[in-house]
C-alpha atoms as a PDB file:
ATOM      1  CA  MET A   1       0.000   0.000   0.000  1.00  0.00           C
ATOM      2  CA  LYS A   2       1.046   3.640  -0.419  1.00  0.00           C
ATOM      3  CA  ALA A   3       2.193   5.524   2.672  1.00  0.00           C
ATOM      4  CA  ILE A   4       3.791   8.843   3.591  1.00  0.00           C
ATOM      5  CA  VAL A   5       6.999   7.907   5.353  1.00  0.00           C
ATOM      6  CA  LYS A   6       9.701   9.651   7.348  1.00  0.00           C
ATOM      7  CA  SER A   7      12.899   7.672   6.926  1.00  0.00           C
ATOM      8  CA  SER A   8      15.808   9.943   7.858  1.00  0.00           C
ATOM      9  CA  PRO A   9      16.568  12.652  10.474  1.00  0.00           C
ATOM     10  CA  SER A  10      16.456  15.470   7.930  1.00  0.00           C
ATOM     11  CA  PRO A  11      13.802  17.631   6.243  1.00  0.00           C
ATOM     12  CA  GLY A  12      11.353  15.917   3.911  1.00  0.00           C
ATOM     13  CA  ILE A  13       9.018  12.948   3.471  1.00  0.00           C
ATOM     14  CA  GLU A  14       8.660  10.082   0.998  1.00  0.00           C
ATOM     15  CA  VAL A  15       5.779   8.358  -0.761  1.00  0.00           C
ATOM     16  CA  ARG A  16       6.556   4.675  -0.339  1.00  0.00           C
ATOM     17  CA  GLU A  17       5.066   1.274  -0.990  1.00  0.00           C
ATOM     18  CA  VAL A  18       4.871  -0.546   2.349  1.00  0.00           C
ATOM     19  CA  GLU A  19       3.307  -3.753   3.641  1.00  0.00           C
ATOM     20  CA  PRO A  20      -0.260  -3.349   4.944  1.00  0.00           C
ATOM     21  CA  PRO A  21      -0.467  -3.673   8.751  1.00  0.00           C
ATOM     22  CA  ARG A  22      -2.111  -6.622  10.474  1.00  0.00           C
ATOM     23  CA  PRO A  23      -4.264  -6.143  13.574  1.00  0.00           C
ATOM     24  CA  GLN A  24      -3.399  -7.951  16.800  1.00  0.00           C
ATOM     25  CA  PRO A  25      -5.945  -9.024  19.443  1.00  0.00           C
ATOM     26  CA  GLY A  26      -7.889  -5.979  20.618  1.00  0.00           C
ATOM     27  CA  GLU A  27      -7.012  -4.022  17.483  1.00  0.00           C
ATOM     28  CA  VAL A  28      -8.839  -3.105  14.284  1.00  0.00           C
ATOM     29  CA  LEU A  29      -7.750  -2.554  10.714  1.00  0.00           C
ATOM     30  CA  VAL A  30      -9.112   0.717   9.329  1.00  0.00           C
ATOM     31  CA  ARG A  31      -9.208   1.721   5.674  1.00  0.00           C
ATOM     32  CA  VAL A  32      -8.236   5.376   5.828  1.00  0.00           C
ATOM     33  CA  GLU A  33     -10.585   7.681   3.934  1.00  0.00           C
ATOM     34  CA  ALA A  34      -9.300  11.074   5.088  1.00  0.00           C
ATOM     35  CA  VAL A  35      -6.240  12.169   7.059  1.00  0.00           C
ATOM     36  CA  GLY A  36      -5.249  15.689   8.070  1.00  0.00           C
ATOM     37  CA  ILE A  37      -1.824  17.328   8.173  1.00  0.00           C
ATOM     38  CA  CYS A  38      -1.207  18.476  11.755  1.00  0.00           C
ATOM     39  CA  GLY A  39       1.214  21.070  13.071  1.00  0.00           C
ATOM     40  CA  SER A  40       3.295  18.311  14.646  1.00  0.00           C
ATOM     41  CA  ASP A  41       3.471  16.594  11.231  1.00  0.00           C
ATOM     42  CA  ILE A  42       4.907  19.846   9.881  1.00  0.00           C
ATOM     43  CA  HIS A  43       7.561  19.865  12.620  1.00  0.00           C
ATOM     44  CA  ILE A  44       8.497  16.299  11.692  1.00  0.00           C
ATOM     45  CA  TYR A  45       8.546  17.254   8.012  1.00  0.00           C
ATOM     46  CA  GLU A  46      10.885  20.176   8.749  1.00  0.00           C
ATOM     47  CA  TRP A  47      12.774  18.088  11.322  1.00  0.00           C
ATOM     48  CA  THR A  48      12.720  20.849  13.922  1.00  0.00           C
ATOM     49  CA  PRO A  49      14.447  20.280  17.301  1.00  0.00           C
ATOM     50  CA  GLY A  50      12.567  18.111  19.769  1.00  0.00           C
ATOM     51  CA  TYR A  51      11.652  15.226  17.461  1.00  0.00           C
ATOM     52  CA  ASP A  52      14.957  13.352  17.602  1.00  0.00           C
ATOM     53  CA  PHE A  53      13.275  10.610  19.640  1.00  0.00           C
ATOM     54  CA  LEU A  54      11.489   9.455  16.467  1.00  0.00           C
ATOM     55  CA  SER A  55      14.675   8.351  14.720  1.00  0.00           C
ATOM     56  CA  LYS A  56      14.639   4.896  16.316  1.00  0.00           C
ATOM     57  CA  TYR A  57      11.197   4.232  14.775  1.00  0.00           C
ATOM     58  CA  PHE A  58      12.246   4.994  11.186  1.00  0.00           C
ATOM     59  CA  PRO A  59      10.940   4.274   8.612  1.00  0.00           C
ATOM     60  CA  LEU A  60       7.770   5.706  10.159  1.00  0.00           C
ATOM     61  CA  THR A  61       4.396   6.318   8.518  1.00  0.00           C
ATOM     62  CA  LEU A  62       3.108   9.726   9.632  1.00  0.00           C
ATOM     63  CA  GLY A  63      -0.404  10.962  10.410  1.00  0.00           C
ATOM     64  CA  HIS A  64      -2.778  10.825  13.379  1.00  0.00           C
ATOM     65  CA  GLU A  65      -5.797  12.967  12.400  1.00  0.00           C
ATOM     66  CA  PHE A  66      -7.919  10.551  10.417  1.00  0.00           C
ATOM     67  CA  ALA A  67     -11.242   8.889   9.723  1.00  0.00           C
ATOM     68  CA  GLY A  68     -12.122   5.716   7.908  1.00  0.00           C
ATOM     69  CA  GLN A  69     -13.974   2.414   7.826  1.00  0.00           C
ATOM     70  CA  ILE A  70     -13.204  -0.713   9.826  1.00  0.00           C
ATOM     71  CA  MET A  71     -12.210  -3.585   7.537  1.00  0.00           C
ATOM     72  CA  GLU A  72     -11.283  -6.150  10.186  1.00  0.00           C
ATOM     73  CA  SER A  73     -11.882  -6.220  13.926  1.00  0.00           C
ATOM     74  CA  ARG A  74     -10.034  -8.353  16.458  1.00  0.00           C
ATOM     75  CA  GLY A  75     -11.777  -6.744  19.420  1.00  0.00           C
ATOM     76  CA  GLY A  76     -15.239  -7.068  20.878  1.00  0.00           C
ATOM     77  CA  SER A  77     -16.600  -3.524  20.731  1.00  0.00           C
ATOM     78  CA  PHE A  78     -16.524  -2.660  17.012  1.00  0.00           C
ATOM     79  CA  ARG A  79     -17.431  -4.528  13.851  1.00  0.00           C
ATOM     80  CA  SER A  80     -16.392  -4.395  10.216  1.00  0.00           C
ATOM     81  CA  GLY A  81     -18.053  -1.658   8.172  1.00  0.00           C
ATOM     82  CA  GLU A  82     -18.351   0.915  10.962  1.00  0.00           C
ATOM     83  CA  LYS A  83     -17.119   4.446  10.274  1.00  0.00           C
ATOM     84  CA  VAL A  84     -14.690   5.614  12.956  1.00  0.00           C
ATOM     85  CA  THR A  85     -12.096   8.149  13.982  1.00  0.00           C
ATOM     86  CA  SER A  86      -9.384   7.497  16.527  1.00  0.00           C
ATOM     87  CA  GLU A  87      -7.549   9.092  19.395  1.00  0.00           C
ATOM     88  CA  THR A  88      -3.811   9.444  18.944  1.00  0.00           C
ATOM     89  CA  GLY A  89      -2.796   7.044  21.685  1.00  0.00           C
ATOM     90  CA  ARG A  90      -4.145   4.368  23.958  1.00  0.00           C
ATOM     91  CA  ILE A  91      -4.152   4.954  27.715  1.00  0.00           C
ATOM     92  CA  CYS A  92      -4.081   2.519  30.626  1.00  0.00           C
ATOM     93  CA  GLY A  93      -7.290   3.805  32.259  1.00  0.00           C
ATOM     94  CA  LYS A  94      -6.002   2.919  35.723  1.00  0.00           C
ATOM     95  CA  CYS A  95      -3.260   5.357  36.686  1.00  0.00           C
ATOM     96  CA  PHE A  96      -3.666   8.551  38.723  1.00  0.00           C
ATOM     97  CA  PHE A  97      -4.009  10.778  35.651  1.00  0.00           C
ATOM     98  CA  CYS A  98      -6.376   8.470  33.783  1.00  0.00           C
ATOM     99  CA  LYS A  99      -8.686   8.359  36.801  1.00  0.00           C
ATOM    100  CA  GLN A 100      -8.697  12.177  36.802  1.00  0.00           C
ATOM    101  CA  GLY A 101      -9.789  12.260  33.167  1.00  0.00           C
ATOM    102  CA  LYS A 102      -6.331  13.443  32.094  1.00  0.00           C
ATOM    103  CA  GLY A 103      -5.348  10.399  30.064  1.00  0.00           C
ATOM    104  CA  ILE A 104      -3.168  12.589  27.838  1.00  0.00           C
ATOM    105  CA  LEU A 105      -0.683  12.496  30.759  1.00  0.00           C
ATOM    106  CA  CYS A 106      -0.749   8.692  31.096  1.00  0.00           C
ATOM    107  CA  ALA A 107       2.830   7.427  31.176  1.00  0.00           C
ATOM    108  CA  LEU A 108       1.894   4.346  29.144  1.00  0.00           C
ATOM    109  CA  ARG A 109       0.760   6.304  26.067  1.00  0.00           C
ATOM    110  CA  THR A 110       4.274   6.309  24.638  1.00  0.00           C
ATOM    111  CA  SER A 111       4.829   2.668  25.654  1.00  0.00           C
ATOM    112  CA  PHE A 112       1.643   1.613  23.846  1.00  0.00           C
ATOM    113  CA  GLY A 113       2.744   3.788  20.931  1.00  0.00           C
ATOM    114  CA  ARG A 114       1.070   6.935  19.631  1.00  0.00           C
ATOM    115  CA  ILE A 115      -0.199   6.812  16.056  1.00  0.00           C
ATOM    116  CA  GLY A 116       2.241   8.504  13.689  1.00  0.00           C
ATOM    117  CA  LEU A 117       4.886   8.818  16.407  1.00  0.00           C
ATOM    118  CA  GLU A 118       5.961   5.611  18.161  1.00  0.00           C
ATOM    119  CA  ARG A 119       3.887   3.475  15.781  1.00  0.00           C
ATOM    120  CA  ASN A 120       2.939   3.741  12.124  1.00  0.00           C
ATOM    121  CA  GLY A 121       0.269   6.318  11.416  1.00  0.00           C
ATOM    122  CA  ALA A 122      -2.645   6.994   9.124  1.00  0.00           C
ATOM    123  CA  MET A 123      -1.075   8.703   6.086  1.00  0.00           C
ATOM    124  CA  ALA A 124      -1.571   5.413   4.308  1.00  0.00           C
ATOM    125  CA  GLU A 125      -4.303   3.309   2.775  1.00  0.00           C
ATOM    126  CA  TYR A 126      -4.697   1.322   6.001  1.00  0.00           C
ATOM    127  CA  VAL A 127      -3.842   1.808   9.666  1.00  0.00           C
ATOM    128  CA  VAL A 128      -4.111  -0.419  12.735  1.00  0.00           C
ATOM    129  CA  VAL A 129      -5.317   1.015  16.041  1.00  0.00           C
ATOM    130  CA  HIS A 130      -6.495  -0.400  19.344  1.00  0.00           C
ATOM    131  CA  GLU A 131     -10.266  -0.430  19.708  1.00  0.00           C
ATOM    132  CA  ASP A 132      -9.983   1.540  22.981  1.00  0.00           C
ATOM    133  CA  CYS A 133      -8.991   4.572  20.877  1.00  0.00           C
ATOM    134  CA  LEU A 134     -11.970   4.484  18.517  1.00  0.00           C
ATOM    135  CA  HIS A 135     -15.031   6.726  18.294  1.00  0.00           C
ATOM    136  CA  ARG A 136     -17.984   6.105  15.997  1.00  0.00           C
ATOM    137  CA  ILE A 137     -18.756   8.844  13.481  1.00  0.00           C
ATOM    138  CA  PRO A 138     -22.384   9.976  13.785  1.00  0.00           C
ATOM    139  CA  PRO A 139     -24.647  10.357  10.735  1.00  0.00           C
ATOM    140  CA  GLY A 140     -24.251  13.636   8.900  1.00  0.00           C
ATOM    141  CA  VAL A 141     -20.540  14.060   9.686  1.00  0.00           C
ATOM    142  CA  THR A 142     -18.307  13.720   6.634  1.00  0.00           C
ATOM    143  CA  GLN A 143     -15.051  11.807   6.657  1.00  0.00           C
ATOM    144  CA  GLU A 144     -13.150  15.060   6.107  1.00  0.00           C
ATOM    145  CA  GLU A 145     -14.856  16.623   9.130  1.00  0.00           C
ATOM    146  CA  ALA A 146     -14.306  13.520  11.251  1.00  0.00           C
ATOM    147  CA  ALA A 147     -10.602  13.633  10.407  1.00  0.00           C
ATOM    148  CA  MET A 148     -10.502  16.964  12.265  1.00  0.00           C
ATOM    149  CA  THR A 149     -11.875  15.547  15.515  1.00  0.00           C
ATOM    150  CA  GLU A 150      -8.427  15.497  17.121  1.00  0.00           C
ATOM    151  CA  PRO A 151      -7.622  19.227  16.730  1.00  0.00           C
ATOM    152  CA  ALA A 152     -11.212  20.047  17.688  1.00  0.00           C
ATOM    153  CA  ALA A 153     -10.815  17.974  20.864  1.00  0.00           C
ATOM    154  CA  VAL A 154      -7.598  19.876  21.619  1.00  0.00           C
ATOM    155  CA  ALA A 155      -9.521  23.135  21.246  1.00  0.00           C
ATOM    156  CA  LEU A 156     -12.369  21.913  23.430  1.00  0.00           C
ATOM    157  CA  GLY A 157      -9.907  20.780  26.103  1.00  0.00           C
ATOM    158  CA  ALA A 158      -8.434  24.289  26.203  1.00  0.00           C
ATOM    159  CA  VAL A 159     -11.851  25.965  26.433  1.00  0.00           C
ATOM    160  CA  GLU A 160     -12.910  23.607  29.216  1.00  0.00           C
ATOM    161  CA  LEU A 161      -9.902  24.765  31.262  1.00  0.00           C
ATOM    162  CA  ALA A 162     -10.896  28.413  30.999  1.00  0.00           C
ATOM    163  CA  HIS A 163     -13.290  30.265  33.268  1.00  0.00           C
ATOM    164  CA  PHE A 164     -15.124  33.163  31.703  1.00  0.00           C
ATOM    165  CA  TYR A 165     -18.572  34.631  32.202  1.00  0.00           C
ATOM    166  CA  PRO A 166     -21.231  35.306  29.571  1.00  0.00           C
ATOM    167  CA  GLY A 167     -20.363  38.583  27.910  1.00  0.00           C
ATOM    168  CA  ASP A 168     -16.653  38.489  28.792  1.00  0.00           C
ATOM    169  CA  VAL A 169     -14.099  39.608  26.218  1.00  0.00           C
ATOM    170  CA  VAL A 170     -11.906  36.717  25.052  1.00  0.00           C
ATOM    171  CA  VAL A 171      -8.725  37.022  22.994  1.00  0.00           C
ATOM    172  CA  ILE A 172      -7.170  34.300  20.817  1.00  0.00           C
ATOM    173  CA  LEU A 173      -3.555  34.718  19.723  1.00  0.00           C
ATOM    174  CA  GLY A 174      -2.998  32.677  16.581  1.00  0.00           C
ATOM    175  CA  PRO A 175      -5.574  32.090  13.780  1.00  0.00           C
ATOM    176  CA  GLY A 176      -4.601  28.511  12.965  1.00  0.00           C
ATOM    177  CA  PRO A 177      -7.132  25.654  12.923  1.00  0.00           C
ATOM    178  CA  ILE A 178      -7.115  25.199  16.705  1.00  0.00           C
ATOM    179  CA  GLY A 179      -7.413  28.941  17.312  1.00  0.00           C
ATOM    180  CA  LEU A 180     -10.403  29.141  14.968  1.00  0.00           C
ATOM    181  CA  LEU A 181     -12.027  26.167  16.688  1.00  0.00           C
ATOM    182  CA  ILE A 182     -11.521  27.835  20.083  1.00  0.00           C
ATOM    183  CA  LEU A 183     -13.209  30.916  18.621  1.00  0.00           C
ATOM    184  CA  GLN A 184     -16.332  28.965  17.706  1.00  0.00           C
ATOM    185  CA  MET A 185     -16.503  27.176  21.040  1.00  0.00           C
ATOM    186  CA  CYS A 186     -16.124  30.383  23.043  1.00  0.00           C
ATOM    187  CA  LYS A 187     -18.934  31.992  21.059  1.00  0.00           C
ATOM    188  CA  ALA A 188     -21.114  28.940  21.624  1.00  0.00           C
ATOM    189  CA  LEU A 189     -20.482  29.178  25.384  1.00  0.00           C
ATOM    190  CA  GLY A 190     -21.616  32.785  25.583  1.00  0.00           C
ATOM    191  CA  ALA A 191     -18.413  34.819  25.399  1.00  0.00           C
ATOM    192  CA  GLY A 192     -19.079  38.445  24.549  1.00  0.00           C
ATOM    193  CA  LYS A 193     -16.651  39.934  22.047  1.00  0.00           C
ATOM    194  CA  VAL A 194     -14.041  37.452  20.830  1.00  0.00           C
ATOM    195  CA  GLY A 195     -10.957  38.785  19.082  1.00  0.00           C
ATOM    196  CA  VAL A 196      -8.399  36.901  17.028  1.00  0.00           C
ATOM    197  CA  PHE A 197      -4.863  38.220  16.574  1.00  0.00           C
ATOM    198  CA  GLY A 198      -2.403  37.201  13.882  1.00  0.00           C
ATOM    199  CA  LEU A 199       0.557  38.351  11.836  1.00  0.00           C
ATOM    200  CA  GLU A 200       0.641  40.077   8.476  1.00  0.00           C
ATOM    201  CA  ALA A 201       0.986  36.661   6.812  1.00  0.00           C
ATOM    202  CA  ASP A 202      -2.211  35.566   8.571  1.00  0.00           C
ATOM    203  CA  ARG A 203      -4.574  37.982   6.800  1.00  0.00           C
ATOM    204  CA  PRO A 204      -6.365  35.185   4.854  1.00  0.00           C
ATOM    205  CA  ARG A 205      -6.823  33.236   8.098  1.00  0.00           C
ATOM    206  CA  LEU A 206      -8.158  36.311   9.864  1.00  0.00           C
ATOM    207  CA  ARG A 207     -10.746  36.705   7.126  1.00  0.00           C
ATOM    208  CA  VAL A 208     -11.869  33.145   7.858  1.00  0.00           C
ATOM    209  CA  ALA A 209     -12.044  34.086  11.559  1.00  0.00           C
ATOM    210  CA  GLU A 210     -14.429  36.908  10.695  1.00  0.00           C
ATOM    211  CA  THR A 211     -16.710  34.555   8.766  1.00  0.00           C
ATOM    212  CA  LEU A 212     -16.742  32.243  11.799  1.00  0.00           C
ATOM    213  CA  GLY A 213     -17.923  34.953  14.172  1.00  0.00           C
ATOM    214  CA  ALA A 214     -14.852  36.857  15.370  1.00  0.00           C
ATOM    215  CA  ASP A 215     -15.988  40.273  16.598  1.00  0.00           C
ATOM    216  CA  PHE A 216     -12.656  41.853  15.745  1.00  0.00           C
ATOM    217  CA  THR A 217      -9.295  40.811  14.294  1.00  0.00           C
ATOM    218  CA  LEU A 218      -5.914  42.488  14.613  1.00  0.00           C
ATOM    219  CA  ILE A 219      -2.533  42.304  12.922  1.00  0.00           C
ATOM    220  CA  GLY A 220      -0.095  42.202  15.834  1.00  0.00           C
ATOM    221  CA  GLU A 221       2.799  43.916  14.026  1.00  0.00           C
ATOM    222  CA  ASN A 222       0.707  46.830  12.758  1.00  0.00           C
ATOM    223  CA  GLU A 223      -1.492  47.849  15.669  1.00  0.00           C
ATOM    224  CA  ASP A 224      -1.252  48.527  19.387  1.00  0.00           C
ATOM    225  CA  SER A 225      -3.017  45.371  20.429  1.00  0.00           C
ATOM    226  CA  LEU A 226      -2.838  46.040  24.161  1.00  0.00           C
ATOM    227  CA  LYS A 227      -4.381  49.503  23.763  1.00  0.00           C
ATOM    228  CA  LYS A 228      -7.151  48.061  21.606  1.00  0.00           C
ATOM    229  CA  ILE A 229      -8.071  45.507  24.293  1.00  0.00           C
ATOM    230  CA  MET A 230      -7.921  48.075  27.085  1.00  0.00           C
ATOM    231  CA  ASP A 231     -10.107  50.512  25.149  1.00  0.00           C
ATOM    232  CA  LEU A 232     -12.595  47.734  24.386  1.00  0.00           C
ATOM    233  CA  THR A 233     -12.826  46.647  28.030  1.00  0.00           C
ATOM    234  CA  GLU A 234     -12.762  50.117  29.629  1.00  0.00           C
ATOM    235  CA  GLY A 235      -9.312  49.453  31.029  1.00  0.00           C
ATOM    236  CA  LEU A 236     -10.055  46.043  32.567  1.00  0.00           C
ATOM    237  CA  GLY A 237      -8.475  43.664  30.049  1.00  0.00           C
ATOM    238  CA  ALA A 238      -9.704  40.364  28.619  1.00  0.00           C
ATOM    239  CA  GLY A 239     -11.222  37.741  30.886  1.00  0.00           C
ATOM    240  CA  VAL A 240      -9.292  34.980  29.106  1.00  0.00           C
ATOM    241  CA  VAL A 241      -6.470  35.000  26.574  1.00  0.00           C
ATOM    242  CA  PHE A 242      -5.759  31.802  24.637  1.00  0.00           C
ATOM    243  CA  GLU A 243      -2.189  31.691  23.300  1.00  0.00           C
ATOM    244  CA  VAL A 244      -2.292  29.265  20.370  1.00  0.00           C
ATOM    245  CA  SER A 245       0.497  30.558  18.119  1.00  0.00           C
ATOM    246  CA  GLY A 246       3.370  28.870  19.958  1.00  0.00           C
ATOM    247  CA  SER A 247       5.333  32.129  19.950  1.00  0.00           C
ATOM    248  CA  PRO A 248       6.972  33.289  23.205  1.00  0.00           C
ATOM    249  CA  ALA A 249       6.968  36.798  21.701  1.00  0.00           C
ATOM    250  CA  ALA A 250       3.161  36.653  21.478  1.00  0.00           C
ATOM    251  CA  ALA A 251       2.706  35.193  24.961  1.00  0.00           C
ATOM    252  CA  VAL A 252       4.395  38.093  26.768  1.00  0.00           C
ATOM    253  CA  PRO A 253       2.030  40.875  25.555  1.00  0.00           C
ATOM    254  CA  GLY A 254      -0.807  38.344  25.728  1.00  0.00           C
ATOM    255  CA  LEU A 255      -0.407  38.124  29.492  1.00  0.00           C
ATOM    256  CA  GLN A 256      -0.579  41.922  29.697  1.00  0.00           C
ATOM    257  CA  MET A 257      -3.976  41.809  27.964  1.00  0.00           C
ATOM    258  CA  VAL A 258      -5.435  39.604  30.710  1.00  0.00           C
ATOM    259  CA  ARG A 259      -7.448  41.491  33.304  1.00  0.00           C
ATOM    260  CA  LYS A 260      -6.623  41.223  36.994  1.00  0.00           C
ATOM    261  CA  ALA A 261      -7.634  37.769  38.321  1.00  0.00           C
ATOM    262  CA  GLY A 262      -8.073  36.616  34.707  1.00  0.00           C
ATOM    263  CA  GLU A 263      -6.532  33.627  32.939  1.00  0.00           C
ATOM    264  CA  MET A 264      -4.123  32.860  30.152  1.00  0.00           C
ATOM    265  CA  ILE A 265      -4.376  29.412  28.555  1.00  0.00           C
ATOM    266  CA  LEU A 266      -1.219  28.243  26.793  1.00  0.00           C
ATOM    267  CA  VAL A 267      -2.085  25.879  23.944  1.00  0.00           C
ATOM    268  CA  GLY A 268       0.888  26.372  21.633  1.00  0.00           C
ATOM    269  CA  ILE A 269       4.121  24.378  21.605  1.00  0.00           C
ATOM    270  CA  TYR A 270       6.963  26.783  22.334  1.00  0.00           C
ATOM    271  CA  PRO A 271      10.526  26.601  20.983  1.00  0.00           C
ATOM    272  CA  GLY A 272      11.933  28.323  24.074  1.00  0.00           C
ATOM    273  CA  PRO A 273      11.085  29.784  27.496  1.00  0.00           C
ATOM    274  CA  ILE A 274       8.463  32.490  27.953  1.00  0.00           C
ATOM    275  CA  PRO A 275       9.837  35.349  30.069  1.00  0.00           C
ATOM    276  CA  VAL A 276       7.256  36.342  32.690  1.00  0.00           C
ATOM    277  CA  ASP A 277       7.361  39.217  35.180  1.00  0.00           C
ATOM    278  CA  ALA A 278       5.804  37.010  37.842  1.00  0.00           C
ATOM    279  CA  THR A 279       5.664  39.587  40.632  1.00  0.00           C
ATOM    280  CA  HIS A 280       3.941  42.366  38.711  1.00  0.00           C
ATOM    281  CA  GLN A 281       1.980  40.355  36.131  1.00  0.00           C
ATOM    282  CA  MET A 282       0.860  37.402  38.235  1.00  0.00           C
ATOM    283  CA  VAL A 283       1.302  37.733  41.986  1.00  0.00           C
ATOM    284  CA  ARG A 284       0.143  41.323  42.402  1.00  0.00           C
ATOM    285  CA  GLN A 285      -2.556  41.022  39.740  1.00  0.00           C
ATOM    286  CA  MET A 286      -3.659  37.498  40.736  1.00  0.00           C
ATOM    287  CA  LYS A 287      -3.532  36.272  37.151  1.00  0.00           C
ATOM    288  CA  THR A 288      -3.384  32.565  36.324  1.00  0.00           C
ATOM    289  CA  ILE A 289      -1.482  30.776  33.564  1.00  0.00           C
ATOM    290  CA  LYS A 290      -2.647  27.271  32.623  1.00  0.00           C
ATOM    291  CA  GLY A 291      -1.137  24.817  30.191  1.00  0.00           C
ATOM    292  CA  SER A 292      -3.519  22.883  27.942  1.00  0.00           C
ATOM    293  CA  TYR A 293      -2.409  19.705  26.188  1.00  0.00           C
ATOM    294  CA  GLY A 294      -4.745  17.567  24.133  1.00  0.00           C
ATOM    295  CA  GLY A 295      -8.317  16.644  24.928  1.00  0.00           C
ATOM    296  CA  ALA A 296      -9.924  13.998  27.117  1.00  0.00           C
ATOM    297  CA  SER A 297     -11.536  10.939  25.531  1.00  0.00           C
ATOM    298  CA  LEU A 298     -14.990  12.328  26.279  1.00  0.00           C
ATOM    299  CA  ASP A 299     -14.098  15.486  24.340  1.00  0.00           C
ATOM    300  CA  TRP A 300     -13.947  13.418  21.149  1.00  0.00           C
ATOM    301  CA  ASP A 301     -17.560  12.332  21.542  1.00  0.00           C
ATOM    302  CA  ARG A 302     -18.586  15.885  22.426  1.00  0.00           C
ATOM    303  CA  VAL A 303     -16.883  17.274  19.344  1.00  0.00           C
ATOM    304  CA  LEU A 304     -18.530  14.737  17.034  1.00  0.00           C
ATOM    305  CA  LYS A 305     -21.946  15.595  18.502  1.00  0.00           C
ATOM    306  CA  LEU A 306     -21.276  19.330  18.092  1.00  0.00           C
ATOM    307  CA  VAL A 307     -20.306  18.825  14.450  1.00  0.00           C
ATOM    308  CA  ALA A 308     -23.332  16.601  13.779  1.00  0.00           C
ATOM    309  CA  ALA A 309     -25.590  19.271  15.325  1.00  0.00           C
ATOM    310  CA  ARG A 310     -23.811  21.987  13.267  1.00  0.00           C
ATOM    311  CA  LYS A 311     -22.843  23.865  16.423  1.00  0.00           C
ATOM    312  CA  ILE A 312     -19.276  24.152  15.139  1.00  0.00           C
ATOM    313  CA  ASN A 313     -18.335  24.508  11.499  1.00  0.00           C
ATOM    314  CA  LEU A 314     -15.259  22.650  10.281  1.00  0.00           C
ATOM    315  CA  ALA A 315     -15.682  23.024   6.510  1.00  0.00           C
ATOM    316  CA  PRO A 316     -14.225  26.581   6.289  1.00  0.00           C
ATOM    317  CA  LEU A 317     -11.019  25.327   7.904  1.00  0.00           C
ATOM    318  CA  ILE A 318     -10.376  22.767   5.158  1.00  0.00           C
ATOM    319  CA  SER A 319      -8.361  24.650   2.563  1.00  0.00           C
ATOM    320  CA  ARG A 320      -7.439  21.799   0.259  1.00  0.00           C
ATOM    321  CA  VAL A 321      -8.171  18.107  -0.303  1.00  0.00           C
ATOM    322  CA  LEU A 322      -5.336  16.283  -2.049  1.00  0.00           C
ATOM    323  CA  PRO A 323      -4.523  12.700  -3.010  1.00  0.00           C
ATOM    324  CA  LEU A 324      -2.015  10.956  -0.781  1.00  0.00           C
ATOM    325  CA  GLU A 325       0.595  11.098  -3.540  1.00  0.00           C
ATOM    326  CA  GLN A 326       0.574  14.916  -3.358  1.00  0.00           C
ATOM    327  CA  ALA A 327       1.308  15.011   0.368  1.00  0.00           C
ATOM    328  CA  LYS A 328       4.459  17.108  -0.095  1.00  0.00           C
ATOM    329  CA  GLU A 329       2.409  19.804  -1.821  1.00  0.00           C
ATOM    330  CA  GLY A 330       0.027  19.798   1.139  1.00  0.00           C
ATOM    331  CA  PHE A 331       2.852  19.982   3.679  1.00  0.00           C
ATOM    332  CA  GLU A 332       4.386  22.950   1.865  1.00  0.00           C
ATOM    333  CA  ALA A 333       1.030  24.739   1.666  1.00  0.00           C
ATOM    334  CA  VAL A 334       0.557  24.496   5.449  1.00  0.00           C
ATOM    335  CA  LEU A 335       4.197  25.348   6.152  1.00  0.00           C
ATOM    336  CA  ASN A 336       4.003  28.501   4.023  1.00  0.00           C
ATOM    337  CA  ARG A 337       0.610  29.514   5.501  1.00  0.00           C
ATOM    338  CA  ASN A 338      -1.112  29.069   2.169  1.00  0.00           C
ATOM    339  CA  ALA A 339      -3.594  26.682   3.772  1.00  0.00           C
ATOM    340  CA  LEU A 340      -5.296  26.201   7.121  1.00  0.00           C
ATOM    341  CA  LYS A 341      -6.006  22.473   7.085  1.00  0.00           C
ATOM    342  CA  VAL A 342      -5.045  20.136   4.266  1.00  0.00           C
ATOM    343  CA  ILE A 343      -6.803  16.786   4.074  1.00  0.00           C
ATOM    344  CA  LEU A 344      -5.209  13.869   2.245  1.00  0.00           C
ATOM    345  CA  LYS A 345      -7.390  11.166   0.716  1.00  0.00           C
ATOM    346  CA  THR A 346      -6.392   7.719  -0.457  1.00  0.00           C
ATOM    347  CA  ASN A 347      -9.193   7.423  -3.027  1.00  0.00           C
ATOM    348  CA  GLN A 348      -8.696  10.746  -4.847  1.00  0.00           C
END
């Protein structure tokens, strides 16, 4: 079968012919119908620092945002023919973090193997996953939409961490797919004015934000963002700021936008430390910084129900749908900010 493979610790990917996987007891074989290119896939494509641990798994099939149809089941909970999407990694369900509903922190996730990281992923015609990771796709949800369940669950996990009141001003730094999903969820939960900030290169993404309900958008380099927020809130600041860009340079002014006793939710993956004036920005203003990583298993079901009910709109985030063989074109489009979400399909 065809697969998108990372085979060397250097920039790039390959389209390769590989042997189809075989499910073990408790696992299912899924025919992949749609698979998204994630930000972490881009980091692996570029071979940015922090992914050296993958080298021992080469050659590795990439991809973890996917949807498809079960072709063979060796478990007891799912049957052939069902349409499913899958969490990235299996959890033990018994440890301290799993019992808290924070399975993303389960130490056994990496031992079990995360799809597209420690085990072969879904940028292929077929993928094998454990049935514990699966979620059924409800009627009315397309395969392309279902392939975006993972980033939507990440967004929902971040919003669930935040505490804001109906009518509060919320700011989102970074108009990528997760930032635009956070926008929709905050609006659905009753946030007042929601603003999305980006860079000059993000203008097309900010236009999408406006179509999805953003009350205002700003180009960070061109405007006094802090003054804009203070004017809008009569000097109070935003109730919650979501930092989704992964830029330490954006996080610093972002914290200044938070009102006293407000919250900043860090969702991005940062290449270096974020310098914080803890005494003046946190202690004396009683601000809170929270880290958000992934979504709980229940968030996947919630997301699928929200999409089925058309409470969140994923279609505007899908910039391009390409055949698997044109994966490099899709990677480059995301890398160069010429696309929000690129979906690869095996039957194009």
